[in-house]
Amino acid sequence: MLEANLIPQRQKDEIKLRIYYQNIISSGFILFLLFLLLTISLAGILIFLHLKYRAIESEISIEQSKIIQTESYKGMEKKINDLNKELSELKRIQEKKSNLYQILDDISQNLLIDVKVYNLDIDKNTKQITVIGFAATRESLLKIETTLKSNPKYNNDIDFPLSNLANPKNINFRFSFTYAQ
């Protein structure tokens, strides 16, 4: 069988070009549709993953708040336990304490009037009390000396140097005594 193509070569070339052109356009269109389908599917996957991420993120924040609450409860519980230990220690100390607070209260209300005290040293064993301070006038110190000598609570082993009374005003003083009960 013999085939004869009577179409001129130029038309043949034009037909071939059209066929190539149509093949390129149809291939480009198919590639565009495939790219569009891929983009739509990737966008769907991205939206799905974003929604999952949001759900997981909300679960994480709920769990973190639970952990924070648990830790704060544990912290509060530890603070309460520590405070209870300190309170029981204070109670134990108060039960063992001497009447040191009563001595301090008595001295501050009845003895150390009109003076500034810089240092008050109390030896709990010997009940020896040493006072260092400042008095504006000699009369303030004379009142203290009179009270020390007249009150039986203080009238034990008093060391009140005369140098305390040497100046009439602005006196830095120091004296000691034993507190009797």
N, C-alpha and C. Protein backbone atom coordinates (compact mmCIF):
# COMPACT_ATOMS: atom_id res chain seq x y z
N MET A 1 0.81 -1.14 0.00
CA MET A 1 0.00 0.00 0.00
C MET A 1 0.88 1.24 0.00
N LEU A 2 0.44 2.03 -0.83
CA LEU A 2 1.21 3.21 -1.08
C LEU A 2 0.40 4.41 -0.63
N GLU A 3 1.08 5.25 0.08
CA GLU A 3 0.39 6.46 0.55
C GLU A 3 1.04 7.66 -0.10
N ALA A 4 0.18 8.50 -0.50
CA ALA A 4 0.70 9.69 -1.12
C ALA A 4 0.15 10.89 -0.38
N ASN A 5 1.03 11.77 -0.10
CA ASN A 5 0.62 12.98 0.61
C ASN A 5 0.81 14.12 -0.38
N LEU A 6 -0.32 14.67 -0.76
CA LEU A 6 -0.28 15.65 -1.79
C LEU A 6 -0.28 17.07 -1.22
N ILE A 7 -0.21 17.16 0.06
CA ILE A 7 -0.22 18.48 0.69
C ILE A 7 1.18 19.04 0.56
N PRO A 8 1.23 20.34 0.25
CA PRO A 8 2.56 20.91 0.11
C PRO A 8 3.33 20.91 1.44
N GLN A 9 4.62 20.93 1.30
CA GLN A 9 5.50 20.83 2.48
C GLN A 9 5.25 21.96 3.47
N ARG A 10 4.98 23.11 3.01
CA ARG A 10 4.74 24.24 3.90
C ARG A 10 3.52 24.00 4.77
N GLN A 11 2.46 23.49 4.18
CA GLN A 11 1.25 23.19 4.95
C GLN A 11 1.51 22.06 5.93
N LYS A 12 2.31 21.09 5.47
CA LYS A 12 2.66 19.99 6.37
C LYS A 12 3.39 20.54 7.60
N ASP A 13 4.30 21.45 7.36
CA ASP A 13 5.04 22.03 8.48
C ASP A 13 4.11 22.83 9.38
N GLU A 14 3.16 23.54 8.79
CA GLU A 14 2.20 24.31 9.59
C GLU A 14 1.32 23.39 10.42
N ILE A 15 0.91 22.28 9.86
CA ILE A 15 0.08 21.31 10.58
C ILE A 15 0.89 20.72 11.73
N LYS A 16 2.14 20.37 11.43
CA LYS A 16 2.98 19.83 12.50
C LYS A 16 3.16 20.86 13.62
N LEU A 17 3.35 22.13 13.24
CA LEU A 17 3.50 23.18 14.26
C LEU A 17 2.23 23.33 15.08
N ARG A 18 1.07 23.29 14.41
CA ARG A 18 -0.19 23.37 15.15
C ARG A 18 -0.35 22.21 16.10
N ILE A 19 0.01 21.01 15.63
CA ILE A 19 -0.10 19.82 16.48
C ILE A 19 0.82 19.98 17.69
N TYR A 20 2.07 20.43 17.43
CA TYR A 20 3.01 20.67 18.55
C TYR A 20 2.44 21.74 19.49
N TYR A 21 1.94 22.80 18.88
CA TYR A 21 1.38 23.89 19.67
C TYR A 21 0.19 23.40 20.51
N GLN A 22 -0.70 22.62 19.91
CA GLN A 22 -1.86 22.08 20.64
C GLN A 22 -1.39 21.11 21.73
N ASN A 23 -0.38 20.30 21.43
CA ASN A 23 0.17 19.37 22.44
C ASN A 23 0.79 20.16 23.61
N ILE A 24 1.51 21.24 23.28
CA ILE A 24 2.13 22.06 24.34
C ILE A 24 1.05 22.72 25.18
N ILE A 25 0.03 23.26 24.50
CA ILE A 25 -1.05 23.92 25.25
C ILE A 25 -1.82 22.91 26.07
N SER A 26 -2.15 21.77 25.53
CA SER A 26 -2.89 20.77 26.31
C SER A 26 -2.02 20.23 27.44
N SER A 27 -0.72 20.02 27.18
CA SER A 27 0.19 19.57 28.26
C SER A 27 0.30 20.65 29.34
N GLY A 28 0.41 21.92 28.92
CA GLY A 28 0.46 23.02 29.89
C GLY A 28 -0.83 23.11 30.69
N PHE A 29 -1.95 22.93 29.99
CA PHE A 29 -3.24 22.97 30.70
C PHE A 29 -3.35 21.82 31.69
N ILE A 30 -2.92 20.64 31.30
CA ILE A 30 -2.94 19.47 32.20
C ILE A 30 -2.01 19.73 33.39
N LEU A 31 -0.80 20.27 33.09
CA LEU A 31 0.12 20.59 34.19
C LEU A 31 -0.46 21.66 35.11
N PHE A 32 -1.11 22.67 34.52
CA PHE A 32 -1.76 23.70 35.34
C PHE A 32 -2.84 23.09 36.21
N LEU A 33 -3.68 22.20 35.65
CA LEU A 33 -4.73 21.53 36.43
C LEU A 33 -4.12 20.67 37.54
N LEU A 34 -3.03 19.95 37.21
CA LEU A 34 -2.36 19.14 38.23
C LEU A 34 -1.78 20.04 39.33
N PHE A 35 -1.16 21.16 38.93
CA PHE A 35 -0.61 22.10 39.91
C PHE A 35 -1.72 22.69 40.78
N LEU A 36 -2.84 23.05 40.15
CA LEU A 36 -3.99 23.58 40.88
C LEU A 36 -4.54 22.53 41.85
N LEU A 37 -4.66 21.29 41.40
CA LEU A 37 -5.14 20.20 42.25
C LEU A 37 -4.17 19.97 43.41
N LEU A 38 -2.87 20.00 43.13
CA LEU A 38 -1.86 19.84 44.18
C LEU A 38 -1.93 20.99 45.17
N THR A 39 -2.09 22.22 44.68
CA THR A 39 -2.18 23.40 45.56
C THR A 39 -3.42 23.31 46.45
N ILE A 40 -4.54 22.91 45.85
CA ILE A 40 -5.78 22.77 46.65
C ILE A 40 -5.63 21.69 47.69
N SER A 41 -5.02 20.57 47.33
CA SER A 41 -4.84 19.49 48.31
C SER A 41 -3.86 19.91 49.41
N LEU A 42 -2.78 20.60 49.02
CA LEU A 42 -1.84 21.08 50.04
C LEU A 42 -2.48 22.12 50.95
N ALA A 43 -3.32 22.99 50.39
CA ALA A 43 -4.03 23.97 51.22
C ALA A 43 -4.97 23.26 52.18
N GLY A 44 -5.65 22.22 51.70
CA GLY A 44 -6.53 21.44 52.59
C GLY A 44 -5.74 20.79 53.71
N ILE A 45 -4.59 20.21 53.35
CA ILE A 45 -3.74 19.58 54.37
C ILE A 45 -3.25 20.63 55.36
N LEU A 46 -2.85 21.81 54.85
CA LEU A 46 -2.37 22.88 55.71
C LEU A 46 -3.47 23.35 56.67
N ILE A 47 -4.67 23.51 56.18
CA ILE A 47 -5.80 23.90 57.05
C ILE A 47 -6.05 22.83 58.10
N PHE A 48 -6.05 21.55 57.67
CA PHE A 48 -6.25 20.45 58.62
C PHE A 48 -5.18 20.45 59.70
N LEU A 49 -3.92 20.61 59.28
CA LEU A 49 -2.82 20.63 60.25
C LEU A 49 -2.91 21.84 61.18
N HIS A 50 -3.33 22.98 60.64
CA HIS A 50 -3.49 24.17 61.47
C HIS A 50 -4.57 23.96 62.54
N LEU A 51 -5.67 23.35 62.13
CA LEU A 51 -6.74 23.07 63.10
C LEU A 51 -6.27 22.08 64.17
N LYS A 52 -5.53 21.06 63.75
CA LYS A 52 -4.97 20.10 64.72
C LYS A 52 -3.99 20.80 65.66
N TYR A 53 -3.16 21.70 65.10
CA TYR A 53 -2.20 22.44 65.91
C TYR A 53 -2.92 23.28 66.97
N ARG A 54 -3.99 23.95 66.55
CA ARG A 54 -4.76 24.76 67.51
C ARG A 54 -5.35 23.88 68.61
N ALA A 55 -5.88 22.73 68.26
CA ALA A 55 -6.46 21.83 69.25
C ALA A 55 -5.39 21.34 70.23
N ILE A 56 -4.24 20.96 69.70
CA ILE A 56 -3.15 20.49 70.56
C ILE A 56 -2.64 21.62 71.43
N GLU A 57 -2.53 22.82 70.86
CA GLU A 57 -2.07 23.98 71.63
C GLU A 57 -3.03 24.29 72.78
N SER A 58 -4.33 24.20 72.54
CA SER A 58 -5.29 24.46 73.63
C SER A 58 -5.20 23.37 74.70
N GLU A 59 -5.00 22.12 74.29
CA GLU A 59 -4.81 21.05 75.27
C GLU A 59 -3.55 21.28 76.10
N ILE A 60 -2.48 21.72 75.45
CA ILE A 60 -1.23 21.99 76.17
C ILE A 60 -1.42 23.11 77.17
N SER A 61 -2.12 24.18 76.76
CA SER A 61 -2.32 25.29 77.70
C SER A 61 -3.18 24.86 78.87
N ILE A 62 -4.18 24.01 78.64
CA ILE A 62 -5.00 23.49 79.75
C ILE A 62 -4.14 22.67 80.69
N GLU A 63 -3.30 21.81 80.14
CA GLU A 63 -2.43 20.98 80.98
C GLU A 63 -1.40 21.83 81.73
N GLN A 64 -0.87 22.86 81.07
CA GLN A 64 0.08 23.74 81.75
C GLN A 64 -0.58 24.47 82.91
N SER A 65 -1.82 24.92 82.70
CA SER A 65 -2.50 25.59 83.81
C SER A 65 -2.76 24.62 84.96
N LYS A 66 -3.07 23.37 84.62
CA LYS A 66 -3.24 22.36 85.68
C LYS A 66 -1.92 22.14 86.43
N ILE A 67 -0.82 22.09 85.67
CA ILE A 67 0.49 21.88 86.29
C ILE A 67 0.84 23.07 87.17
N ILE A 68 0.58 24.27 86.67
CA ILE A 68 0.87 25.48 87.45
C ILE A 68 0.04 25.49 88.73
N GLN A 69 -1.24 25.14 88.62
CA GLN A 69 -2.09 25.09 89.82
C GLN A 69 -1.57 24.04 90.79
N THR A 70 -1.19 22.89 90.26
CA THR A 70 -0.67 21.84 91.13
C THR A 70 0.61 22.30 91.82
N GLU A 71 1.49 22.93 91.05
CA GLU A 71 2.74 23.41 91.64
C GLU A 71 2.48 24.51 92.66
N SER A 72 1.52 25.38 92.37
CA SER A 72 1.23 26.44 93.34
C SER A 72 0.61 25.84 94.59
N TYR A 73 -0.23 24.83 94.44
CA TYR A 73 -0.78 24.16 95.62
C TYR A 73 0.33 23.48 96.42
N LYS A 74 1.26 22.84 95.70
CA LYS A 74 2.37 22.19 96.39
C LYS A 74 3.24 23.24 97.08
N GLY A 75 3.48 24.37 96.39
CA GLY A 75 4.26 25.45 97.00
C GLY A 75 3.58 25.99 98.24
N MET A 76 2.26 26.20 98.13
CA MET A 76 1.52 26.70 99.30
C MET A 76 1.55 25.67 100.43
N GLU A 77 1.40 24.41 100.06
CA GLU A 77 1.43 23.36 101.08
C GLU A 77 2.79 23.32 101.77
N LYS A 78 3.86 23.48 100.98
CA LYS A 78 5.20 23.50 101.57
C LYS A 78 5.38 24.71 102.47
N LYS A 79 4.89 25.88 102.02
CA LYS A 79 4.99 27.08 102.85
C LYS A 79 4.20 26.91 104.14
N ILE A 80 3.02 26.31 104.04
CA ILE A 80 2.21 26.09 105.24
C ILE A 80 2.92 25.13 106.18
N ASN A 81 3.50 24.07 105.63
CA ASN A 81 4.24 23.13 106.49
C ASN A 81 5.44 23.80 107.14
N ASP A 82 6.17 24.61 106.36
CA ASP A 82 7.31 25.34 106.93
C ASP A 82 6.85 26.30 108.02
N LEU A 83 5.75 26.99 107.75
CA LEU A 83 5.22 27.93 108.74
C LEU A 83 4.78 27.20 110.01
N ASN A 84 4.15 26.03 109.84
CA ASN A 84 3.75 25.24 111.01
C ASN A 84 4.97 24.79 111.81
N LYS A 85 6.04 24.42 111.09
CA LYS A 85 7.26 24.04 111.79
C LYS A 85 7.83 25.22 112.58
N GLU A 86 7.84 26.39 111.93
CA GLU A 86 8.36 27.58 112.61
C GLU A 86 7.49 27.94 113.81
N LEU A 87 6.18 27.83 113.65
CA LEU A 87 5.29 28.14 114.77
C LEU A 87 5.46 27.16 115.92
N SER A 88 5.63 25.88 115.59
CA SER A 88 5.84 24.92 116.67
C SER A 88 7.20 25.15 117.34
N GLU A 89 8.21 25.58 116.56
CA GLU A 89 9.51 25.92 117.14
C GLU A 89 9.38 27.14 118.05
N LEU A 90 8.63 28.14 117.59
CA LEU A 90 8.40 29.32 118.43
C LEU A 90 7.67 28.95 119.71
N LYS A 91 6.68 28.08 119.57
CA LYS A 91 5.93 27.66 120.75
C LYS A 91 6.85 26.92 121.73
N ARG A 92 7.71 26.07 121.17
CA ARG A 92 8.65 25.34 122.02
C ARG A 92 9.60 26.32 122.72
N ILE A 93 10.08 27.32 121.97
CA ILE A 93 10.98 28.32 122.56
C ILE A 93 10.25 29.12 123.63
N GLN A 94 9.01 29.49 123.36
CA GLN A 94 8.25 30.26 124.35
C GLN A 94 8.01 29.45 125.61
N GLU A 95 7.79 28.16 125.45
CA GLU A 95 7.59 27.33 126.63
C GLU A 95 8.86 27.23 127.46
N LYS A 96 10.03 27.25 126.78
CA LYS A 96 11.30 27.14 127.48
C LYS A 96 11.83 28.49 127.96
N LYS A 97 11.29 29.56 127.40
CA LYS A 97 11.88 30.88 127.68
C LYS A 97 11.78 31.26 129.14
N SER A 98 12.70 32.09 129.53
CA SER A 98 12.61 32.68 130.86
C SER A 98 11.68 33.88 130.74
N ASN A 99 11.55 34.58 131.79
CA ASN A 99 10.66 35.74 131.74
C ASN A 99 11.41 36.96 131.23
N LEU A 100 12.19 36.76 130.18
CA LEU A 100 13.01 37.81 129.59
C LEU A 100 12.15 38.97 129.09
N TYR A 101 11.01 38.66 128.51
CA TYR A 101 10.14 39.72 128.00
C TYR A 101 9.55 40.54 129.14
N GLN A 102 9.26 39.89 130.22
CA GLN A 102 8.75 40.64 131.38
C GLN A 102 9.83 41.56 131.93
N ILE A 103 11.06 41.08 131.96
CA ILE A 103 12.18 41.90 132.44
C ILE A 103 12.34 43.11 131.52
N LEU A 104 12.35 42.88 130.22
CA LEU A 104 12.49 43.99 129.27
C LEU A 104 11.35 44.99 129.41
N ASP A 105 10.15 44.49 129.56
CA ASP A 105 8.99 45.37 129.71
C ASP A 105 9.12 46.20 130.99
N ASP A 106 9.51 45.56 132.08
CA ASP A 106 9.66 46.27 133.36
C ASP A 106 10.74 47.33 133.27
N ILE A 107 11.89 46.98 132.69
CA ILE A 107 13.00 47.94 132.57
C ILE A 107 12.61 49.12 131.70
N SER A 108 11.96 48.85 130.56
CA SER A 108 11.63 49.95 129.64
C SER A 108 10.55 50.86 130.22
N GLN A 109 9.62 50.33 131.00
CA GLN A 109 8.55 51.18 131.53
C GLN A 109 8.92 51.87 132.84
N ASN A 110 9.73 51.24 133.65
CA ASN A 110 10.00 51.78 134.99
C ASN A 110 11.39 52.37 135.17
N LEU A 111 12.34 51.98 134.35
CA LEU A 111 13.71 52.39 134.60
C LEU A 111 14.23 53.34 133.52
N LEU A 112 14.14 52.96 132.28
CA LEU A 112 14.76 53.71 131.19
C LEU A 112 13.79 54.75 130.62
N ILE A 113 13.55 55.79 131.43
CA ILE A 113 12.63 56.86 131.05
C ILE A 113 13.46 58.09 130.69
N ASP A 114 13.10 58.78 129.64
CA ASP A 114 13.76 60.01 129.19
C ASP A 114 15.20 59.80 128.72
N VAL A 115 15.55 58.60 128.28
CA VAL A 115 16.89 58.34 127.75
C VAL A 115 16.76 57.54 126.45
N LYS A 116 17.83 57.59 125.66
CA LYS A 116 17.91 56.77 124.46
C LYS A 116 18.88 55.64 124.75
N VAL A 117 18.47 54.44 124.45
CA VAL A 117 19.31 53.27 124.71
C VAL A 117 19.90 52.80 123.39
N TYR A 118 21.23 52.71 123.35
CA TYR A 118 21.92 52.23 122.15
C TYR A 118 22.15 50.73 122.22
N ASN A 119 22.41 50.25 123.41
CA ASN A 119 22.72 48.83 123.56
C ASN A 119 22.16 48.36 124.89
N LEU A 120 21.48 47.25 124.89
CA LEU A 120 20.96 46.63 126.10
C LEU A 120 21.36 45.17 126.05
N ASP A 121 22.26 44.80 126.93
CA ASP A 121 22.80 43.44 126.93
C ASP A 121 22.28 42.72 128.17
N ILE A 122 21.64 41.58 127.96
CA ILE A 122 21.09 40.80 129.08
C ILE A 122 21.70 39.42 129.04
N ASP A 123 22.36 39.06 130.11
CA ASP A 123 22.89 37.71 130.26
C ASP A 123 21.81 36.89 130.96
N LYS A 124 21.23 35.94 130.23
CA LYS A 124 20.10 35.18 130.78
C LYS A 124 20.51 34.32 131.98
N ASN A 125 21.72 33.84 131.98
CA ASN A 125 22.15 32.97 133.07
C ASN A 125 22.35 33.74 134.38
N THR A 126 23.07 34.85 134.29
CA THR A 126 23.35 35.60 135.52
C THR A 126 22.35 36.74 135.74
N LYS A 127 21.50 37.00 134.75
CA LYS A 127 20.54 38.10 134.78
C LYS A 127 21.24 39.45 134.97
N GLN A 128 22.47 39.52 134.51
CA GLN A 128 23.24 40.76 134.51
C GLN A 128 22.80 41.58 133.31
N ILE A 129 22.42 42.83 133.53
CA ILE A 129 21.94 43.72 132.48
C ILE A 129 22.89 44.89 132.37
N THR A 130 23.37 45.14 131.14
CA THR A 130 24.25 46.27 130.87
C THR A 130 23.54 47.19 129.90
N VAL A 131 23.51 48.50 130.24
CA VAL A 131 22.81 49.48 129.43
C VAL A 131 23.81 50.54 128.97
N ILE A 132 23.80 50.82 127.67
CA ILE A 132 24.61 51.89 127.09
C ILE A 132 23.66 52.79 126.33
N GLY A 133 23.78 54.12 126.57
CA GLY A 133 22.85 55.01 125.90
C GLY A 133 23.23 56.47 126.01
N PHE A 134 22.21 57.34 125.82
CA PHE A 134 22.39 58.78 125.80
C PHE A 134 21.27 59.41 126.61
N ALA A 135 21.64 60.35 127.46
CA ALA A 135 20.66 61.11 128.24
C ALA A 135 20.86 62.59 127.94
N ALA A 136 19.76 63.30 127.78
CA ALA A 136 19.84 64.72 127.47
C ALA A 136 20.29 65.53 128.69
N THR A 137 19.86 65.08 129.89
CA THR A 137 20.20 65.83 131.11
C THR A 137 20.69 64.89 132.20
N ARG A 138 21.39 65.48 133.16
CA ARG A 138 21.88 64.73 134.31
C ARG A 138 20.71 64.25 135.17
N GLU A 139 19.61 65.02 135.22
CA GLU A 139 18.45 64.66 136.04
C GLU A 139 17.85 63.33 135.59
N SER A 140 17.85 63.09 134.30
CA SER A 140 17.34 61.81 133.80
C SER A 140 18.14 60.65 134.36
N LEU A 141 19.47 60.80 134.38
CA LEU A 141 20.32 59.74 134.93
C LEU A 141 20.17 59.62 136.44
N LEU A 142 19.96 60.74 137.14
CA LEU A 142 19.75 60.68 138.59
C LEU A 142 18.47 59.92 138.92
N LYS A 143 17.43 60.10 138.10
CA LYS A 143 16.18 59.34 138.31
C LYS A 143 16.43 57.85 138.15
N ILE A 144 17.22 57.50 137.14
CA ILE A 144 17.53 56.09 136.93
C ILE A 144 18.32 55.53 138.11
N GLU A 145 19.30 56.29 138.59
CA GLU A 145 20.11 55.83 139.72
C GLU A 145 19.25 55.66 140.97
N THR A 146 18.35 56.62 141.21
CA THR A 146 17.47 56.54 142.37
C THR A 146 16.56 55.32 142.26
N THR A 147 16.02 55.10 141.10
CA THR A 147 15.14 53.93 140.90
C THR A 147 15.92 52.64 141.10
N LEU A 148 17.14 52.57 140.60
CA LEU A 148 17.97 51.37 140.76
C LEU A 148 18.22 51.08 142.25
N LYS A 149 18.51 52.12 143.01
CA LYS A 149 18.86 51.90 144.41
C LYS A 149 17.64 51.68 145.29
N SER A 150 16.49 52.21 144.90
CA SER A 150 15.31 52.10 145.76
C SER A 150 14.45 50.88 145.45
N ASN A 151 14.46 50.40 144.27
CA ASN A 151 13.59 49.28 143.90
C ASN A 151 14.30 47.96 144.15
N PRO A 152 13.69 47.05 144.90
CA PRO A 152 14.36 45.77 145.21
C PRO A 152 14.58 44.88 143.99
N LYS A 153 13.85 45.12 142.90
CA LYS A 153 14.07 44.32 141.70
C LYS A 153 15.45 44.59 141.10
N TYR A 154 15.93 45.83 141.29
CA TYR A 154 17.19 46.24 140.67
C TYR A 154 18.33 46.37 141.69
N ASN A 155 18.04 46.28 142.94
CA ASN A 155 19.01 46.61 143.98
C ASN A 155 19.96 45.46 144.23
N ASN A 156 20.55 44.93 143.20
CA ASN A 156 21.53 43.86 143.33
C ASN A 156 22.71 44.15 142.41
N ASP A 157 23.87 44.25 142.99
CA ASP A 157 25.10 44.36 142.22
C ASP A 157 25.02 45.48 141.18
N ILE A 158 24.77 46.71 141.62
CA ILE A 158 24.62 47.86 140.74
C ILE A 158 26.00 48.47 140.48
N ASP A 159 26.30 48.69 139.19
CA ASP A 159 27.54 49.37 138.80
C ASP A 159 27.13 50.62 138.01
N PHE A 160 27.04 51.75 138.74
CA PHE A 160 26.64 53.03 138.14
C PHE A 160 27.79 54.01 138.35
N PRO A 161 28.72 54.11 137.38
CA PRO A 161 29.92 54.94 137.58
C PRO A 161 29.57 56.42 137.72
N LEU A 162 30.36 57.12 138.51
CA LEU A 162 30.17 58.56 138.70
C LEU A 162 30.45 59.34 137.41
N SER A 163 31.19 58.76 136.52
CA SER A 163 31.48 59.45 135.25
C SER A 163 30.20 59.69 134.45
N ASN A 164 29.15 58.90 134.74
CA ASN A 164 27.86 59.12 134.08
C ASN A 164 27.28 60.48 134.46
N LEU A 165 27.60 60.97 135.67
CA LEU A 165 27.01 62.21 136.17
C LEU A 165 27.95 63.41 136.04
N ALA A 166 29.08 63.25 135.36
CA ALA A 166 30.07 64.30 135.27
C ALA A 166 29.59 65.50 134.44
N ASN A 167 28.89 65.27 133.37
CA ASN A 167 28.42 66.36 132.51
C ASN A 167 26.97 66.71 132.85
N PRO A 168 26.59 67.98 132.75
CA PRO A 168 25.21 68.35 133.05
C PRO A 168 24.25 68.03 131.90
N LYS A 169 24.74 68.00 130.64
CA LYS A 169 23.86 67.76 129.48
C LYS A 169 24.58 66.87 128.48
N ASN A 170 23.78 66.26 127.59
CA ASN A 170 24.29 65.42 126.50
C ASN A 170 25.29 64.39 127.01
N ILE A 171 24.78 63.45 127.76
CA ILE A 171 25.62 62.49 128.47
C ILE A 171 25.51 61.12 127.80
N ASN A 172 26.66 60.57 127.42
CA ASN A 172 26.72 59.18 127.00
C ASN A 172 27.00 58.37 128.26
N PHE A 173 26.14 57.43 128.56
CA PHE A 173 26.27 56.71 129.83
C PHE A 173 26.38 55.21 129.60
N ARG A 174 26.80 54.56 130.70
CA ARG A 174 26.91 53.11 130.73
C ARG A 174 26.75 52.67 132.17
N PHE A 175 25.86 51.72 132.43
CA PHE A 175 25.75 51.16 133.77
C PHE A 175 25.26 49.72 133.64
N SER A 176 25.41 48.98 134.77
CA SER A 176 24.96 47.59 134.77
C SER A 176 24.40 47.26 136.15
N PHE A 177 23.56 46.24 136.16
CA PHE A 177 22.96 45.78 137.41
C PHE A 177 22.46 44.35 137.19
N THR A 178 22.12 43.70 138.28
CA THR A 178 21.56 42.36 138.22
C THR A 178 20.09 42.46 138.55
N TYR A 179 19.28 41.85 137.73
CA TYR A 179 17.84 41.91 137.91
C TYR A 179 17.43 40.80 138.88
N ALA A 180 16.74 41.18 139.96
CA ALA A 180 16.29 40.21 140.95
C ALA A 180 14.83 39.87 140.70
N GLN A 181 14.44 38.66 141.04
CA GLN A 181 13.03 38.28 140.83
C GLN A 181 12.35 38.00 142.13
